[in-house]
Protein backbone atom coordinates (compact mmCIF):
# COMPACT_ATOMS: atom_id res chain seq x y z
CA MET A 1 129.20 -207.54 74.83
CA ILE A 2 131.18 -207.93 78.02
CA SER A 3 132.04 -205.72 80.98
CA THR A 4 135.33 -205.46 82.83
CA GLU A 5 135.69 -204.23 86.41
CA GLU A 6 138.94 -203.70 88.30
CA ARG A 7 138.61 -204.57 91.99
CA GLN A 8 140.87 -204.71 94.99
CA ILE A 9 139.84 -207.70 97.11
CA GLY A 10 141.92 -207.78 100.25
CA ALA A 11 145.55 -207.74 99.14
CA VAL A 12 144.69 -208.93 95.63
CA SER A 13 144.23 -206.68 92.62
CA THR A 14 141.76 -208.35 90.26
CA LEU A 15 139.93 -207.90 86.99
CA ILE A 16 136.41 -209.31 86.87
CA VAL A 17 135.00 -209.90 83.41
CA ALA A 18 131.35 -210.83 82.83
CA PRO A 19 128.66 -210.75 80.16
CA SER A 20 127.12 -207.29 79.95
CA GLY A 21 123.90 -207.09 81.92
CA GLN A 22 124.85 -209.99 84.16
CA GLU A 23 127.45 -208.25 86.30
CA LYS A 24 125.45 -208.86 89.49
CA ALA A 25 124.06 -212.30 88.61
CA VAL A 26 125.27 -215.57 90.08
CA LEU A 27 127.30 -217.11 87.26
CA PRO A 28 129.56 -220.11 86.79
CA THR A 29 133.01 -218.67 87.38
CA VAL A 30 136.46 -219.34 85.98
CA PHE A 31 139.58 -218.11 87.78
CA VAL A 32 142.46 -217.38 85.40
CA TYR A 33 146.08 -217.21 86.60
CA HIS A 34 148.92 -215.53 84.72
CA GLY A 35 152.55 -216.56 84.37
CA TRP A 36 155.82 -215.47 85.96
CA THR A 37 156.68 -211.78 85.29
CA HIS A 38 153.25 -211.28 83.66
CA ARG A 39 150.09 -209.67 85.01
CA LYS A 40 146.36 -210.33 85.05
CA GLU A 41 145.85 -208.32 81.85
CA SER A 42 147.97 -210.83 79.93
CA GLU A 43 145.10 -213.32 80.23
CA LEU A 44 142.35 -211.04 78.91
CA MET A 45 142.01 -212.84 75.58
CA VAL A 46 140.85 -216.10 77.15
CA ALA A 47 138.83 -214.10 79.69
CA HIS A 48 136.90 -212.44 76.87
CA PHE A 49 136.24 -215.79 75.20
CA LEU A 50 134.97 -217.18 78.51
CA ALA A 51 132.75 -214.19 79.27
CA LYS A 52 131.19 -214.37 75.81
CA ALA A 53 130.39 -218.02 76.59
CA GLY A 54 128.49 -217.00 79.73
CA PHE A 55 131.06 -217.12 82.52
CA ARG A 56 132.18 -214.66 85.14
CA VAL A 57 135.98 -214.56 84.94
CA VAL A 58 138.25 -213.55 87.80
CA LEU A 59 141.84 -212.61 86.97
CA PRO A 60 144.06 -212.02 90.03
CA ASP A 61 147.50 -210.44 90.09
CA ALA A 62 149.90 -212.79 91.85
CA LYS A 63 152.07 -211.36 94.63
CA TYR A 64 154.83 -209.09 93.24
CA HIS A 65 153.07 -208.98 89.86
CA GLY A 66 150.97 -206.38 88.07
CA LYS A 67 149.63 -203.79 90.51
CA ARG A 68 151.31 -205.73 93.33
CA HIS A 69 154.77 -205.27 91.86
CA GLY A 70 157.04 -202.82 93.63
CA SER A 71 160.55 -201.77 92.74
CA GLN A 72 162.04 -205.27 92.87
CA LEU A 73 163.64 -206.80 89.83
CA PHE A 74 162.24 -210.22 88.93
CA SER A 75 165.80 -211.51 88.96
CA GLU A 76 165.81 -210.68 92.68
CA LEU A 77 162.55 -212.57 93.24
CA MET A 78 163.49 -215.97 91.85
CA PHE A 79 163.59 -217.54 95.32
CA GLU A 80 160.07 -216.16 95.91
CA PHE A 81 158.57 -218.19 93.05
CA TRP A 82 157.17 -221.08 95.04
CA GLY A 83 156.03 -218.85 97.88
CA ILE A 84 154.08 -216.83 95.31
CA VAL A 85 152.40 -219.98 94.01
CA MET A 86 151.43 -221.12 97.50
CA GLN A 87 150.14 -217.66 98.40
CA SER A 88 147.99 -217.58 95.25
CA VAL A 89 146.44 -220.89 96.33
CA THR A 90 145.56 -219.43 99.73
CA GLU A 91 144.23 -216.23 98.16
CA PHE A 92 142.04 -218.26 95.82
CA GLY A 93 140.03 -219.47 98.81
CA GLU A 94 139.70 -215.91 100.07
CA LEU A 95 138.51 -214.64 96.68
CA VAL A 96 135.92 -217.40 96.40
CA ALA A 97 134.64 -216.68 99.91
CA THR A 98 134.30 -212.93 99.25
CA LEU A 99 132.62 -213.23 95.87
CA SER A 100 130.33 -216.03 97.04
CA ALA A 101 129.22 -213.92 100.01
CA GLU A 102 128.38 -211.13 97.56
CA GLY A 103 126.15 -213.50 95.58
CA LEU A 104 128.34 -213.36 92.49
CA VAL A 105 129.94 -216.81 92.48
CA ASP A 106 128.35 -220.22 92.84
CA PRO A 107 130.99 -222.13 94.84
CA GLU A 108 129.79 -225.38 93.24
CA ARG A 109 130.42 -224.15 89.67
CA ILE A 110 134.03 -223.03 89.64
CA GLY A 111 136.79 -223.76 87.13
CA VAL A 112 140.44 -222.77 87.22
CA THR A 113 142.96 -222.31 84.44
CA GLY A 114 146.35 -220.69 84.06
CA THR A 115 149.49 -220.29 82.00
CA SER A 116 152.98 -221.40 83.09
CA MET A 117 153.19 -220.33 86.76
CA GLY A 118 149.42 -219.99 86.50
CA GLY A 119 149.15 -223.58 85.27
CA ILE A 120 151.22 -224.73 88.24
CA THR A 121 148.87 -222.71 90.46
CA THR A 122 145.87 -224.37 88.81
CA ASP A 123 147.12 -227.86 89.69
CA ALA A 124 147.89 -226.81 93.25
CA ILE A 125 144.40 -225.35 93.67
CA LEU A 126 142.86 -228.63 92.51
CA THR A 127 145.02 -230.40 95.07
CA ARG A 128 143.78 -228.18 97.89
CA TYR A 129 140.16 -227.30 96.99
CA PRO A 130 137.71 -230.16 96.35
CA ASN A 131 134.90 -227.80 95.28
CA VAL A 132 136.69 -226.77 92.06
CA LYS A 133 134.98 -228.67 89.25
CA ILE A 134 137.58 -228.50 86.46
CA GLY A 135 141.12 -227.35 85.79
CA VAL A 136 143.03 -226.56 82.61
CA ASP A 137 146.81 -226.28 82.97
CA LYS A 138 148.59 -224.66 80.04
CA ILE A 139 152.39 -225.10 79.99
CA GLY A 140 152.53 -225.62 83.77
CA ALA A 141 153.36 -228.73 85.79
CA PRO A 142 151.51 -231.02 88.24
CA MET A 143 154.77 -232.11 89.91
CA PRO A 144 155.99 -228.94 91.68
CA VAL A 145 158.40 -230.71 94.04
CA ALA A 146 160.14 -232.44 91.14
CA LEU A 147 160.12 -229.21 89.13
CA ALA A 148 161.55 -227.24 92.07
CA LYS A 149 164.33 -229.79 92.49
CA TRP A 150 165.13 -229.48 88.80
CA GLN A 151 165.23 -225.69 89.11
CA VAL A 152 167.63 -225.98 92.05
CA SER A 153 169.85 -228.30 90.01
CA GLN A 154 170.29 -225.52 87.44
CA LEU A 155 171.80 -223.19 90.07
CA PRO A 156 175.53 -222.89 90.74
CA THR A 157 176.63 -225.24 93.50
CA ALA A 158 177.62 -222.30 95.69
CA LEU A 159 174.07 -220.95 95.62
CA GLN A 160 172.59 -224.38 96.31
CA THR A 161 174.79 -224.61 99.39
CA LYS A 162 174.11 -221.05 100.54
CA TYR A 163 170.34 -221.49 100.40
CA GLN A 164 170.17 -225.17 101.35
CA ASP A 165 168.00 -224.64 104.44
CA ALA A 166 165.54 -222.38 102.60
CA ILE A 167 165.37 -224.84 99.71
CA GLU A 168 164.64 -227.78 101.98
CA ASP A 169 161.97 -225.79 103.82
CA THR A 170 160.29 -224.81 100.55
CA LEU A 171 160.31 -228.40 99.27
CA ALA A 172 158.78 -229.64 102.51
CA ARG A 173 155.95 -227.06 102.37
CA LEU A 174 155.41 -227.60 98.66
CA ALA A 175 154.60 -231.28 99.10
CA ALA A 176 151.10 -230.39 100.33
CA TYR A 177 150.44 -228.64 96.99
CA ASP A 178 151.87 -231.39 94.79
CA LEU A 179 149.14 -233.07 92.74
CA SER A 180 151.40 -235.98 91.82
CA MET A 181 151.68 -236.81 95.53
CA HIS A 182 147.92 -236.50 96.08
CA VAL A 183 146.30 -237.81 92.89
CA ASP A 184 143.37 -239.14 94.91
CA HIS A 185 142.42 -235.50 95.59
CA LEU A 186 141.29 -235.20 91.98
CA ALA A 187 138.38 -237.48 92.88
CA GLY A 188 137.31 -237.92 89.27
CA ARG A 189 137.35 -234.23 88.37
CA PRO A 190 138.43 -233.26 84.84
CA LEU A 191 141.91 -231.81 84.41
CA HIS A 192 143.34 -231.05 81.00
CA PHE A 193 146.98 -230.27 80.20
CA TYR A 194 148.31 -228.41 77.20
CA HIS A 195 152.08 -228.57 76.70
CA GLY A 196 154.73 -228.42 73.99
CA THR A 197 157.55 -230.94 73.82
CA ALA A 198 160.23 -228.27 73.20
CA ASP A 199 159.35 -226.17 76.26
CA THR A 200 162.59 -225.29 78.06
CA MET A 201 161.07 -222.99 80.70
CA VAL A 202 158.73 -225.54 82.28
CA PRO A 203 159.84 -228.78 80.68
CA TYR A 204 157.18 -230.98 79.12
CA GLN A 205 158.70 -234.00 80.86
CA PHE A 206 157.04 -233.19 84.19
CA THR A 207 153.58 -233.30 82.61
CA ALA A 208 154.46 -236.38 80.56
CA ASP A 209 155.81 -238.19 83.64
CA PHE A 210 152.63 -237.40 85.56
CA MET A 211 150.50 -238.81 82.74
CA THR A 212 152.67 -241.93 82.57
CA GLU A 213 152.32 -242.48 86.31
CA ILE A 214 148.53 -242.18 86.40
CA GLN A 215 148.11 -244.30 83.26
CA ALA A 216 150.23 -247.02 84.83
CA GLN A 217 147.84 -247.12 87.80
CA PRO A 218 144.39 -246.32 86.41
CA SER A 219 141.80 -245.18 88.92
CA SER A 220 138.47 -243.39 89.00
CA ALA A 221 140.22 -240.40 90.60
CA THR A 222 142.23 -239.71 87.45
CA ALA A 223 139.85 -241.02 84.79
CA LEU A 224 139.21 -237.54 83.36
CA VAL A 225 142.82 -236.33 83.19
CA THR A 226 143.82 -235.61 79.59
CA LEU A 227 146.76 -234.09 77.71
CA THR A 228 147.13 -232.23 74.43
CA THR A 229 150.75 -232.47 73.28
CA GLU A 230 152.13 -230.00 70.77
CA GLU A 231 155.11 -231.59 69.05
CA ASN A 232 158.05 -229.17 69.07
CA GLY A 233 155.86 -226.61 70.83
CA GLN A 234 157.72 -224.10 72.99
CA HIS A 235 156.75 -222.08 76.07
CA LYS A 236 153.69 -220.37 74.66
CA VAL A 237 149.98 -221.01 74.36
CA SER A 238 148.21 -221.17 71.02
CA ASP A 239 144.79 -219.71 70.26
CA ASP A 240 143.57 -223.29 69.78
CA ALA A 241 144.55 -224.10 73.36
CA GLN A 242 142.63 -221.06 74.62
CA LEU A 243 139.54 -222.06 72.66
CA LYS A 244 139.87 -225.62 73.97
CA THR A 245 139.90 -224.15 77.48
CA VAL A 246 136.57 -222.45 76.81
CA GLU A 247 135.06 -225.64 75.37
CA LEU A 248 136.04 -227.64 78.44
CA MET A 249 134.66 -225.04 80.84
CA GLN A 250 131.39 -225.07 78.90
CA GLN A 251 131.26 -228.85 78.98
CA TYR A 252 131.67 -229.16 82.75
CA LEU A 253 130.32 -225.92 84.21
CA LEU A 254 127.35 -224.84 82.06
């Protein structure tokens, strides 16, 4: 059996899932990040699998999502996308600090996983937080600057011109969160990617290019980076990928 608690931690609405009877114990913890336009509840299936395996699972709502969503249309928030990712990375540190101070999270036994925008967030967290032991990115991308440039290229030229200054500012700030620019930050930690080759939302090519780059220059920092490719897979995550996530967290955190 598992228990689920909804908590407001600072500005962040969260769900915390844990094995029943161990709600107040110090447990290895996995943070799970949802995708664009989704909410924390959309990741409850993998959270339940993880809790049954013995983990505490923390599911945050990203800014403008779930309980943090106001009256805005997501079509009006497109230019907020990368700011949301960067804010989630900052909030991750705040969540870890709060839950560690409460004696619920061992800061040396933390994993992170996410879907789509949440996968992108996962890679950025690994770039910024050396205490995270393992990451699993599902249909995200470890090259956010390159992905952001591709997104901009899909916009009408008039919009690119109108928002040129904001775009350049975002790209400059995003570089600090770009795993492909800081592969040494992995420092030998395991990171697994799951991606389908027919994904048109977050193209597979950005994950494939990252793998090609690190395989061309092997190092101890990236020795445990792996990829599961689903041929003709689209922008969705299979049950097998969720179960693989649990297996990896068990392997490196339990």
